[in-house]
Amino acid sequence: MRKPIEKPKSLGTATVFINARLIDPASNRDEPGGLLVKDGMIADLGAHLRRNAPEGATVIDCKGNVLAPGLIDAQVFTGEPGYEHRETLKTASHAAAAGGVTTIVVMPDTNPVIDQVALVDFIQRRARDNALVHVQTMAAMTKGLQGEEMTEIGLLKRAGAIGFSNGKSSVINTRVMRNVLSYAKDFNALVVHHTEDPYLSSGSMNSGEVASRLGLPGISKIAETIMLERDVRLVEMTGGRYHAATISCQESLDVVKNAKAKKLPVSCGVSINHLTLNENDVGPYRTFFKMRPPLRKEEDRVAMVQGVANGDIDIIVSSHDPQDADTKRRPFAEAADGAVGLETLLSAALRLVHSGDITLPAMLKAMTINPARLLGLHSGRLAKGSIADLVLFDPGEPWVVDKDRLRSRSKNTPFDEAKMQGRVLRTMVAGQTVYEYAGVERT
């Protein structure tokens, strides 16, 4: 048990973290030290601050725990506007803060779809008024996400869109996808695509023995790789920057690796669910494990983990997708896809560290500096002059997930009652503490 918190008197705008394990994948830093925050920025860091605090600063003793850049989650589905009963920017930001996520990128799958400048502006204004963390907008690449008519990519990027996606659906029309990549290249805009041929993906879970045993229609991996291979050919033709949103199998990883070997501007991500779960977790038709793409075989999960470990997979996302009871408490084939994941992202990822499958710096790299570079953000690093977006976490503290205590408005987590090892103790956004675990001691 941790000692009760003794709240200090604030001694100014400066805060110093002492006795920390500083991990910054951007600079390959992994050492004992401290970090000074002043006026929302990182003013100093290093071993010389490990036990020494500037006079007048508020001191936070990290007790040897990890202090790292705040996580950047590049794929977050929220319900605002249109589906606020599932999630709002406010509730999503509270879940993010509790999970050590300091920047979320919201997807355009809303009602109305984020396909106009006014809606990008709406998200930005709502985030400024309600969100605890930074909120970036992924605008739609086609109007209404219908895949038939391209949006005004230049105007949307100028309005603040950080990238362009067709959300949970793929652009089937090859001519439209080619035009999107060509037009986006003129603005150096990132195209983020969900790779799944809808004509080959009408099932409920991964195609194979488990699906057959459960009597459920399967979705073959070929639905993912065919679309990805087509897109890579179009990238080769147009030179547009392309990111495969969430791959899930070895075959898709091979396609990405081949594209990178050709020096094409191609990157890819994977969801935390596909790194830590597999098709067997569906068990007795548990709809909280129904996702898109579906959970694959164990060998594909292992391939995804290895891809992150060796750098072939660029980023890890939560793929946070809140669904209410009305859409999840149904027969498996009829239930909606998706799971919440902001609050459990870091803890779930630490499973891979504790198992020895990936190092802690490599895992953090895929959730900090890699997404920052991909999206053109100035965060994701520990460096003098950088914004003080930070997460302090104890990688060894055990806890049990209780879906009813999650801050997300929806409770569809696949990790309900799961035992975790690793907990966020404090989250700081632009120098302001937005989350503090009750067990954190402060002196």
Protein backbone atom coordinates (compact mmCIF):
# COMPACT_ATOMS: atom_id res chain seq x y z
CA MET A 1 0.00 0.00 0.00
CA ARG A 2 1.23 3.50 -0.81
CA LYS A 3 1.38 6.19 1.85
CA PRO A 4 -1.33 8.85 1.86
CA ILE A 5 -0.61 11.87 -0.31
CA GLU A 6 0.67 14.93 1.45
CA LYS A 7 -0.32 17.85 -0.77
CA PRO A 8 2.40 20.50 -1.03
CA LYS A 9 2.09 24.21 -1.37
CA SER A 10 2.70 25.39 -4.92
CA LEU A 11 5.93 27.35 -5.09
CA GLY A 12 5.60 28.76 -8.59
CA THR A 13 5.16 27.73 -12.20
CA ALA A 14 8.20 25.43 -12.18
CA THR A 15 7.82 21.70 -11.51
CA VAL A 16 10.70 19.28 -11.23
CA PHE A 17 10.52 15.50 -11.49
CA ILE A 18 13.35 13.88 -9.55
CA ASN A 19 14.52 10.28 -9.11
CA ALA A 20 13.01 9.21 -12.43
CA ARG A 21 13.95 6.70 -15.08
CA LEU A 22 13.99 8.97 -18.12
CA ILE A 23 13.09 7.20 -21.35
CA ASP A 24 13.08 9.19 -24.58
CA PRO A 25 13.05 6.99 -27.70
CA ALA A 26 13.72 10.03 -29.92
CA SER A 27 17.20 10.46 -28.45
CA ASN A 28 17.77 6.87 -27.25
CA ARG A 29 17.88 8.19 -23.69
CA ASP A 30 17.28 5.63 -20.94
CA GLU A 31 18.90 6.74 -17.72
CA PRO A 32 18.22 7.82 -14.13
CA GLY A 33 17.65 11.55 -13.90
CA GLY A 34 15.22 14.39 -13.48
CA LEU A 35 13.27 16.84 -15.58
CA LEU A 36 12.33 20.47 -15.06
CA VAL A 37 9.06 21.91 -16.42
CA LYS A 38 8.56 25.66 -16.64
CA ASP A 39 5.82 27.62 -18.38
CA GLY A 40 4.50 24.50 -20.07
CA MET A 41 7.83 23.54 -21.63
CA ILE A 42 10.70 21.23 -20.75
CA ALA A 43 13.34 23.62 -19.39
CA ASP A 44 16.02 21.09 -18.47
CA LEU A 45 16.57 17.37 -17.97
CA GLY A 46 19.31 14.91 -17.21
CA ALA A 47 21.23 13.08 -14.54
CA HIS A 48 22.15 16.34 -12.75
CA LEU A 49 18.49 16.76 -11.78
CA ARG A 50 18.12 13.26 -10.41
CA ARG A 51 18.12 14.40 -6.79
CA ASN A 52 18.61 18.14 -7.03
CA ALA A 53 15.66 20.49 -7.44
CA PRO A 54 15.88 24.20 -8.24
CA GLU A 55 14.84 26.39 -5.36
CA GLY A 56 11.17 27.33 -5.38
CA ALA A 57 10.06 24.52 -7.73
CA THR A 58 7.29 22.06 -6.96
CA VAL A 59 9.02 18.69 -6.54
CA ILE A 60 7.60 15.35 -7.67
CA ASP A 61 9.56 12.32 -6.51
CA CYS A 62 9.17 9.65 -9.18
CA LYS A 63 10.67 6.96 -6.91
CA GLY A 64 12.49 5.32 -9.80
CA ASN A 65 9.42 5.04 -12.01
CA VAL A 66 9.44 5.78 -15.74
CA LEU A 67 9.04 9.34 -17.00
CA ALA A 68 8.46 9.39 -20.75
CA PRO A 69 6.87 11.57 -23.43
CA GLY A 70 3.08 11.51 -23.36
CA LEU A 71 1.58 8.91 -25.68
CA ILE A 72 0.13 9.88 -29.06
CA ASP A 73 -2.85 7.81 -30.17
CA ALA A 74 -3.34 8.20 -33.90
CA GLN A 75 -6.67 6.36 -34.22
CA VAL A 76 -9.50 7.32 -31.89
CA PHE A 77 -13.15 7.06 -32.83
CA THR A 78 -15.41 9.32 -30.78
CA GLY A 79 -19.12 9.98 -30.93
CA GLU A 80 -19.03 13.75 -31.24
CA PRO A 81 -20.82 15.05 -33.21
CA GLY A 82 -23.86 12.84 -33.60
CA TYR A 83 -23.22 9.89 -31.29
CA GLU A 84 -22.53 11.62 -27.99
CA HIS A 85 -24.32 8.83 -26.12
CA ARG A 86 -21.32 6.63 -26.97
CA GLU A 87 -18.52 9.13 -26.32
CA THR A 88 -17.78 12.84 -26.33
CA LEU A 89 -14.50 14.65 -26.78
CA LYS A 90 -14.62 15.41 -23.06
CA THR A 91 -15.08 11.81 -21.90
CA ALA A 92 -12.56 10.52 -24.44
CA SER A 93 -10.01 13.04 -23.19
CA HIS A 94 -10.54 11.95 -19.57
CA ALA A 95 -9.97 8.33 -20.60
CA ALA A 96 -6.88 9.37 -22.56
CA ALA A 97 -5.43 11.31 -19.61
CA ALA A 98 -5.90 8.30 -17.31
CA GLY A 99 -4.10 6.16 -19.88
CA GLY A 100 -1.09 8.45 -20.28
CA VAL A 101 -2.22 9.63 -23.73
CA THR A 102 -1.60 13.35 -24.24
CA THR A 103 -2.64 13.62 -27.90
CA ILE A 104 -5.56 11.90 -29.61
CA VAL A 105 -6.32 11.95 -33.33
CA VAL A 106 -10.08 11.70 -33.84
CA MET A 107 -11.44 9.94 -36.90
CA PRO A 108 -14.07 11.38 -39.28
CA ASP A 109 -16.72 8.68 -38.63
CA THR A 110 -19.23 11.03 -37.02
CA ASN A 111 -22.66 12.37 -37.89
CA PRO A 112 -22.22 14.54 -39.85
CA VAL A 113 -18.96 13.20 -41.26
CA ILE A 114 -15.93 15.47 -40.79
CA ASP A 115 -15.62 16.32 -44.46
CA GLN A 116 -15.97 20.11 -44.39
CA VAL A 117 -13.87 22.98 -43.06
CA ALA A 118 -16.66 24.02 -40.67
CA LEU A 119 -16.62 20.59 -39.02
CA VAL A 120 -12.85 20.59 -38.57
CA ASP A 121 -13.25 23.97 -36.90
CA PHE A 122 -16.10 22.60 -34.77
CA ILE A 123 -13.91 19.77 -33.44
CA GLN A 124 -11.09 22.19 -32.65
CA ARG A 125 -13.40 24.57 -30.78
CA ARG A 126 -15.07 21.76 -28.82
CA ALA A 127 -11.66 20.36 -27.91
CA ARG A 128 -10.40 23.74 -26.66
CA ASP A 129 -13.48 24.09 -24.46
CA ASN A 130 -13.83 20.53 -23.16
CA ALA A 131 -10.80 18.29 -23.67
CA LEU A 132 -8.02 17.67 -21.15
CA VAL A 133 -5.55 16.54 -23.84
CA HIS A 134 -4.52 17.72 -27.29
CA VAL A 135 -7.06 16.79 -29.97
CA GLN A 136 -6.08 16.54 -33.64
CA THR A 137 -8.53 15.91 -36.48
CA MET A 138 -8.35 13.30 -39.21
CA ALA A 139 -10.65 14.60 -41.95
CA ALA A 140 -12.51 12.48 -44.48
CA MET A 141 -10.80 11.80 -47.80
CA THR A 142 -14.16 11.30 -49.57
CA LYS A 143 -17.44 13.11 -49.04
CA GLY A 144 -19.64 11.35 -46.54
CA LEU A 145 -17.06 8.53 -46.43
CA GLN A 146 -18.88 7.15 -49.47
CA GLY A 147 -15.70 6.58 -51.46
CA GLU A 148 -16.99 8.27 -54.61
CA GLU A 149 -16.15 11.98 -54.47
CA MET A 150 -12.93 13.45 -53.11
CA THR A 151 -13.08 16.13 -50.40
CA GLU A 152 -11.31 19.50 -50.53
CA ILE A 153 -8.04 18.19 -49.16
CA GLY A 154 -6.15 21.49 -49.49
CA LEU A 155 -8.78 23.53 -47.66
CA LEU A 156 -9.23 20.92 -44.95
CA LYS A 157 -5.49 20.72 -44.34
CA ARG A 158 -5.30 24.51 -44.12
CA ALA A 159 -8.14 24.41 -41.59
CA GLY A 160 -6.12 22.09 -39.37
CA ALA A 161 -6.76 18.52 -40.51
CA ILE A 162 -3.70 16.44 -39.68
CA GLY A 163 -4.42 13.69 -42.21
CA PHE A 164 -7.12 12.16 -44.39
CA SER A 165 -8.95 8.91 -43.87
CA ASN A 166 -12.03 7.07 -45.03
CA GLY A 167 -12.62 5.91 -41.49
CA LYS A 168 -13.72 2.32 -41.02
CA SER A 169 -14.42 1.79 -44.72
CA SER A 170 -12.08 1.33 -47.66
CA VAL A 171 -12.20 3.31 -50.89
CA ILE A 172 -13.14 0.63 -53.40
CA ASN A 173 -13.00 2.88 -56.45
CA THR A 174 -9.40 2.70 -57.62
CA ARG A 175 -9.68 5.88 -59.67
CA VAL A 176 -10.86 7.83 -56.63
CA MET A 177 -8.04 6.42 -54.48
CA ARG A 178 -5.48 7.33 -57.13
CA ASN A 179 -6.84 10.88 -57.29
CA VAL A 180 -6.78 11.20 -53.49
CA LEU A 181 -3.11 10.17 -53.35
CA SER A 182 -2.18 12.45 -56.24
CA TYR A 183 -3.99 15.47 -54.83
CA ALA A 184 -2.72 14.85 -51.30
CA LYS A 185 0.86 14.77 -52.59
CA ASP A 186 0.52 18.41 -53.72
CA PHE A 187 -0.12 19.39 -50.09
CA ASN A 188 2.24 16.86 -48.48
CA ALA A 189 -0.87 15.45 -46.80
CA LEU A 190 -0.93 12.02 -45.18
CA VAL A 191 -3.49 9.52 -46.49
CA VAL A 192 -4.54 6.96 -43.86
CA HIS A 193 -6.48 3.99 -45.21
CA HIS A 194 -8.39 1.10 -43.67
CA THR A 195 -7.41 -1.80 -45.92
CA GLU A 196 -10.26 -4.24 -46.33
CA ASP A 197 -12.03 -5.32 -49.50
CA PRO A 198 -15.72 -5.21 -48.52
CA TYR A 199 -16.63 -7.88 -51.05
CA LEU A 200 -14.35 -10.33 -49.23
CA SER A 201 -15.06 -9.23 -45.66
CA SER A 202 -18.74 -9.84 -45.00
CA GLY A 203 -18.06 -12.23 -42.12
CA SER A 204 -17.91 -11.81 -38.34
CA MET A 205 -14.43 -13.02 -37.32
CA ASN A 206 -11.21 -14.41 -38.71
CA SER A 207 -11.69 -17.18 -41.22
CA GLY A 208 -10.44 -20.52 -39.96
CA GLU A 209 -11.00 -23.40 -37.58
CA VAL A 210 -12.28 -21.26 -34.69
CA ALA A 211 -14.90 -19.56 -36.88
CA SER A 212 -16.01 -22.92 -38.25
CA ARG A 213 -16.32 -24.38 -34.77
CA LEU A 214 -18.44 -21.41 -33.65
CA GLY A 215 -20.53 -21.52 -36.80
CA LEU A 216 -19.64 -17.94 -37.72
CA PRO A 217 -18.86 -16.61 -41.23
CA GLY A 218 -15.16 -15.89 -41.57
CA ILE A 219 -13.14 -12.99 -42.97
CA SER A 220 -10.04 -14.06 -44.87
CA LYS A 221 -6.74 -12.22 -44.54
CA ILE A 222 -6.74 -11.85 -48.31
CA ALA A 223 -9.39 -9.12 -47.95
CA GLU A 224 -6.76 -7.01 -46.19
CA THR A 225 -3.72 -7.81 -48.31
CA ILE A 226 -5.46 -7.34 -51.68
CA MET A 227 -6.49 -3.79 -50.79
CA LEU A 228 -3.06 -3.03 -49.33
CA GLU A 229 -1.25 -4.33 -52.42
CA ARG A 230 -3.45 -2.18 -54.65
CA ASP A 231 -2.76 0.90 -52.54
CA VAL A 232 0.99 0.36 -52.62
CA ARG A 233 0.85 0.18 -56.43
CA LEU A 234 -1.00 3.51 -56.43
CA VAL A 235 1.59 5.03 -54.10
CA GLU A 236 4.28 3.91 -56.52
CA MET A 237 2.36 5.63 -59.32
CA THR A 238 1.53 8.89 -57.51
CA GLY A 239 4.20 9.36 -54.83
CA GLY A 240 1.56 10.24 -52.22
CA ARG A 241 2.28 9.71 -48.51
CA TYR A 242 0.38 6.60 -47.40
CA HIS A 243 -0.29 4.96 -44.04
CA ALA A 244 -2.05 1.61 -43.63
CA ALA A 245 -4.15 2.26 -40.54
CA THR A 246 -4.15 -1.12 -38.80
CA ILE A 247 -2.67 -4.23 -40.34
CA SER A 248 -3.29 -7.57 -38.69
CA CYS A 249 -1.39 -10.37 -40.43
CA GLN A 250 2.03 -11.47 -41.62
CA GLU A 251 1.08 -11.16 -45.29
CA SER A 252 0.20 -7.48 -44.88
CA LEU A 253 3.44 -6.84 -43.02
CA ASP A 254 5.36 -8.40 -45.90
CA VAL A 255 3.64 -6.01 -48.33
CA VAL A 256 4.65 -3.01 -46.21
CA LYS A 257 8.23 -4.24 -45.83
CA ASN A 258 8.54 -4.65 -49.60
CA ALA A 259 7.20 -1.13 -50.14
CA LYS A 260 9.69 0.31 -47.67
CA ALA A 261 12.50 -1.60 -49.36
CA LYS A 262 11.57 0.31 -52.54
CA LYS A 263 11.81 3.59 -50.56
CA LEU A 264 8.11 4.31 -51.08
CA PRO A 265 6.47 6.76 -48.63
CA VAL A 266 4.54 3.94 -46.91
CA SER A 267 4.03 3.30 -43.19
CA CYS A 268 1.67 1.18 -41.13
CA GLY A 269 0.11 0.84 -37.71
CA VAL A 270 -1.31 -1.92 -35.55
CA SER A 271 -3.89 -1.81 -32.80
CA ILE A 272 -3.04 -2.85 -29.26
CA ASN A 273 -5.79 -5.47 -29.57
CA HIS A 274 -3.99 -7.26 -32.41
CA LEU A 275 -0.77 -7.23 -30.39
CA THR A 276 -2.23 -8.75 -27.22
CA LEU A 277 -5.28 -10.80 -28.28
CA ASN A 278 -6.08 -13.47 -30.83
CA GLU A 279 -9.11 -15.22 -32.32
CA ASN A 280 -9.33 -17.69 -29.45
CA ASP A 281 -10.30 -14.83 -27.13
CA VAL A 282 -13.67 -14.64 -28.87
CA GLY A 283 -14.45 -17.76 -26.83
CA PRO A 284 -18.20 -18.22 -26.23
CA TYR A 285 -19.28 -15.48 -28.65
CA ARG A 286 -17.93 -12.55 -26.59
CA THR A 287 -18.86 -9.50 -28.62
CA PHE A 288 -16.36 -7.20 -26.85
CA PHE A 289 -13.75 -9.11 -28.88
CA LYS A 290 -15.47 -8.43 -32.20
CA MET A 291 -13.28 -5.95 -34.06
CA ARG A 292 -12.39 -4.73 -37.52
CA PRO A 293 -10.03 -6.07 -38.75
CA PRO A 294 -10.89 -9.24 -36.81
CA LEU A 295 -8.55 -10.78 -34.29
CA ARG A 296 -6.30 -13.20 -36.15
CA LYS A 297 -4.47 -16.43 -35.37
CA GLU A 298 -1.76 -16.53 -32.72
CA GLU A 299 1.00 -16.69 -35.34
CA ASP A 300 -0.26 -13.43 -36.83
CA ARG A 301 -0.32 -11.79 -33.40
CA VAL A 302 3.28 -12.88 -32.86
CA ALA A 303 4.22 -11.48 -36.29
CA MET A 304 2.69 -8.12 -35.35
CA VAL A 305 4.67 -8.01 -32.10
CA GLN A 306 7.88 -8.83 -33.94
CA GLY A 307 7.06 -6.14 -36.48
CA VAL A 308 6.87 -3.53 -33.74
CA ALA A 309 9.99 -4.83 -32.03
CA ASN A 310 12.15 -4.56 -35.16
CA GLY A 311 10.61 -1.32 -36.42
CA ASP A 312 8.76 -2.65 -39.47
CA ILE A 313 5.46 -1.54 -37.92
CA ASP A 314 5.66 2.18 -37.26
CA ILE A 315 2.99 2.94 -34.67
CA ILE A 316 0.68 1.37 -32.10
CA VAL A 317 -2.85 2.73 -31.72
CA SER A 318 -5.68 1.99 -29.32
CA SER A 319 -8.27 1.98 -32.13
CA HIS A 320 -10.58 3.27 -29.40
CA ASP A 321 -14.11 2.62 -30.71
CA PRO A 322 -16.89 3.11 -28.13
CA GLN A 323 -20.10 1.16 -28.65
CA ASP A 324 -23.10 1.14 -26.34
CA ALA A 325 -24.97 -1.86 -24.97
CA ASP A 326 -27.60 -1.68 -27.71
CA THR A 327 -25.01 -2.34 -30.41
CA LYS A 328 -22.84 -4.83 -28.48
CA ARG A 329 -25.33 -6.92 -26.49
CA ARG A 330 -26.47 -8.80 -29.57
CA PRO A 331 -25.76 -12.14 -31.24
CA PHE A 332 -22.12 -12.10 -32.34
CA ALA A 333 -22.86 -11.84 -36.07
CA GLU A 334 -25.14 -8.84 -35.48
CA ALA A 335 -23.04 -6.97 -32.92
CA ALA A 336 -21.09 -3.85 -33.86
CA ASP A 337 -17.32 -3.99 -34.26
CA GLY A 338 -15.01 -2.10 -31.92
CA ALA A 339 -13.62 -1.78 -28.41
CA VAL A 340 -12.62 1.07 -26.13
CA GLY A 341 -8.90 1.21 -25.45
CA LEU A 342 -7.55 4.64 -24.49
CA GLU A 343 -7.34 3.96 -20.77
CA THR A 344 -5.80 0.50 -21.13
CA LEU A 345 -3.42 1.22 -24.03
CA LEU A 346 -0.21 1.55 -22.05
CA SER A 347 -0.96 -1.19 -19.52
CA ALA A 348 -1.86 -3.66 -22.26
CA ALA A 349 1.30 -2.79 -24.20
CA LEU A 350 3.38 -3.42 -21.08
CA ARG A 351 2.29 -7.06 -21.24
CA LEU A 352 4.63 -7.40 -24.23
CA VAL A 353 7.48 -5.84 -22.26
CA HIS A 354 6.98 -8.11 -19.25
CA SER A 355 6.85 -11.16 -21.52
CA GLY A 356 10.21 -10.18 -23.02
CA ASP A 357 8.80 -9.84 -26.53
CA ILE A 358 9.72 -6.17 -26.89
CA THR A 359 11.87 -3.67 -25.02
CA LEU A 360 10.27 -0.77 -23.18
CA PRO A 361 12.00 1.89 -25.34
CA ALA A 362 10.93 0.14 -28.55
CA MET A 363 7.35 -0.07 -27.34
CA LEU A 364 7.29 3.59 -26.34
CA LYS A 365 8.87 4.61 -29.64
CA ALA A 366 5.82 3.28 -31.48
CA MET A 367 3.53 5.43 -29.31
CA THR A 368 5.55 8.65 -29.00
CA ILE A 369 8.13 9.87 -31.48
CA ASN A 370 7.03 7.67 -34.41
CA PRO A 371 3.44 8.97 -34.53
CA ALA A 372 4.73 12.49 -33.85
CA ARG A 373 7.00 12.35 -36.90
CA LEU A 374 4.34 10.68 -39.03
CA LEU A 375 1.78 13.37 -38.20
CA GLY A 376 4.16 16.32 -38.11
CA LEU A 377 3.73 17.05 -34.38
CA HIS A 378 6.30 18.75 -32.17
CA SER A 379 5.59 16.51 -29.19
CA GLY A 380 6.62 12.92 -28.50
CA ARG A 381 10.07 13.63 -27.09
CA LEU A 382 11.96 14.66 -23.96
CA ALA A 383 14.13 17.60 -24.98
CA LYS A 384 14.84 21.14 -23.84
CA GLY A 385 12.35 23.47 -25.42
CA SER A 386 9.80 20.75 -26.21
CA ILE A 387 6.25 20.94 -24.95
CA ALA A 388 5.87 19.31 -21.53
CA ASP A 389 3.55 16.45 -22.52
CA LEU A 390 4.62 13.73 -20.10
CA VAL A 391 3.54 10.43 -18.60
CA LEU A 392 4.87 9.01 -15.34
CA PHE A 393 4.12 5.33 -14.85
CA ASP A 394 5.05 2.39 -12.67
CA PRO A 395 5.68 -0.50 -15.07
CA GLY A 396 5.32 -3.06 -12.29
CA GLU A 397 2.23 -2.03 -10.36
CA PRO A 398 -0.56 -4.61 -10.63
CA TRP A 399 -4.22 -3.75 -11.07
CA VAL A 400 -7.42 -5.31 -12.39
CA VAL A 401 -9.52 -3.67 -15.09
CA ASP A 402 -13.09 -2.90 -14.04
CA LYS A 403 -15.10 -1.70 -17.05
CA ASP A 404 -17.54 0.15 -14.82
CA ARG A 405 -14.75 2.36 -13.50
CA LEU A 406 -13.38 3.31 -16.91
CA ARG A 407 -13.73 6.98 -17.76
CA SER A 408 -14.99 6.29 -21.26
CA ARG A 409 -18.73 6.73 -21.63
CA SER A 410 -18.97 3.29 -23.26
CA LYS A 411 -17.68 0.20 -21.48
CA ASN A 412 -16.96 -2.24 -24.30
CA THR A 413 -13.44 -3.21 -23.26
CA PRO A 414 -12.03 -6.64 -24.11
CA PHE A 415 -9.85 -6.34 -21.01
CA ASP A 416 -12.66 -6.34 -18.44
CA GLU A 417 -11.44 -8.18 -15.30
CA ALA A 418 -8.02 -8.64 -16.90
CA LYS A 419 -4.98 -8.49 -14.65
CA MET A 420 -2.58 -5.75 -15.69
CA GLN A 421 0.96 -4.98 -14.58
CA GLY A 422 1.83 -1.34 -15.09
CA ARG A 423 -0.11 1.76 -14.15
CA VAL A 424 -0.12 5.44 -15.11
CA LEU A 425 0.67 7.58 -12.08
CA ARG A 426 0.56 11.03 -13.61
CA THR A 427 -0.18 12.64 -16.97
CA MET A 428 0.92 16.17 -17.81
CA VAL A 429 -0.24 18.16 -20.83
CA ALA A 430 1.62 21.38 -21.66
CA GLY A 431 2.95 21.52 -18.12
CA GLN A 432 -0.43 21.01 -16.43
CA THR A 433 -1.27 17.82 -14.54
CA VAL A 434 -4.47 16.43 -16.07
CA TYR A 435 -4.45 13.07 -14.29
CA GLU A 436 -2.96 11.90 -11.01
CA TYR A 437 -3.36 8.41 -9.61
CA ALA A 438 -4.40 8.57 -5.95
CA GLY A 439 -1.34 6.58 -4.90
CA VAL A 440 1.23 9.08 -6.21
CA GLU A 441 3.26 10.72 -3.49
CA ARG A 442 4.15 14.34 -3.93
CA THR A 443 6.61 16.25 -1.73
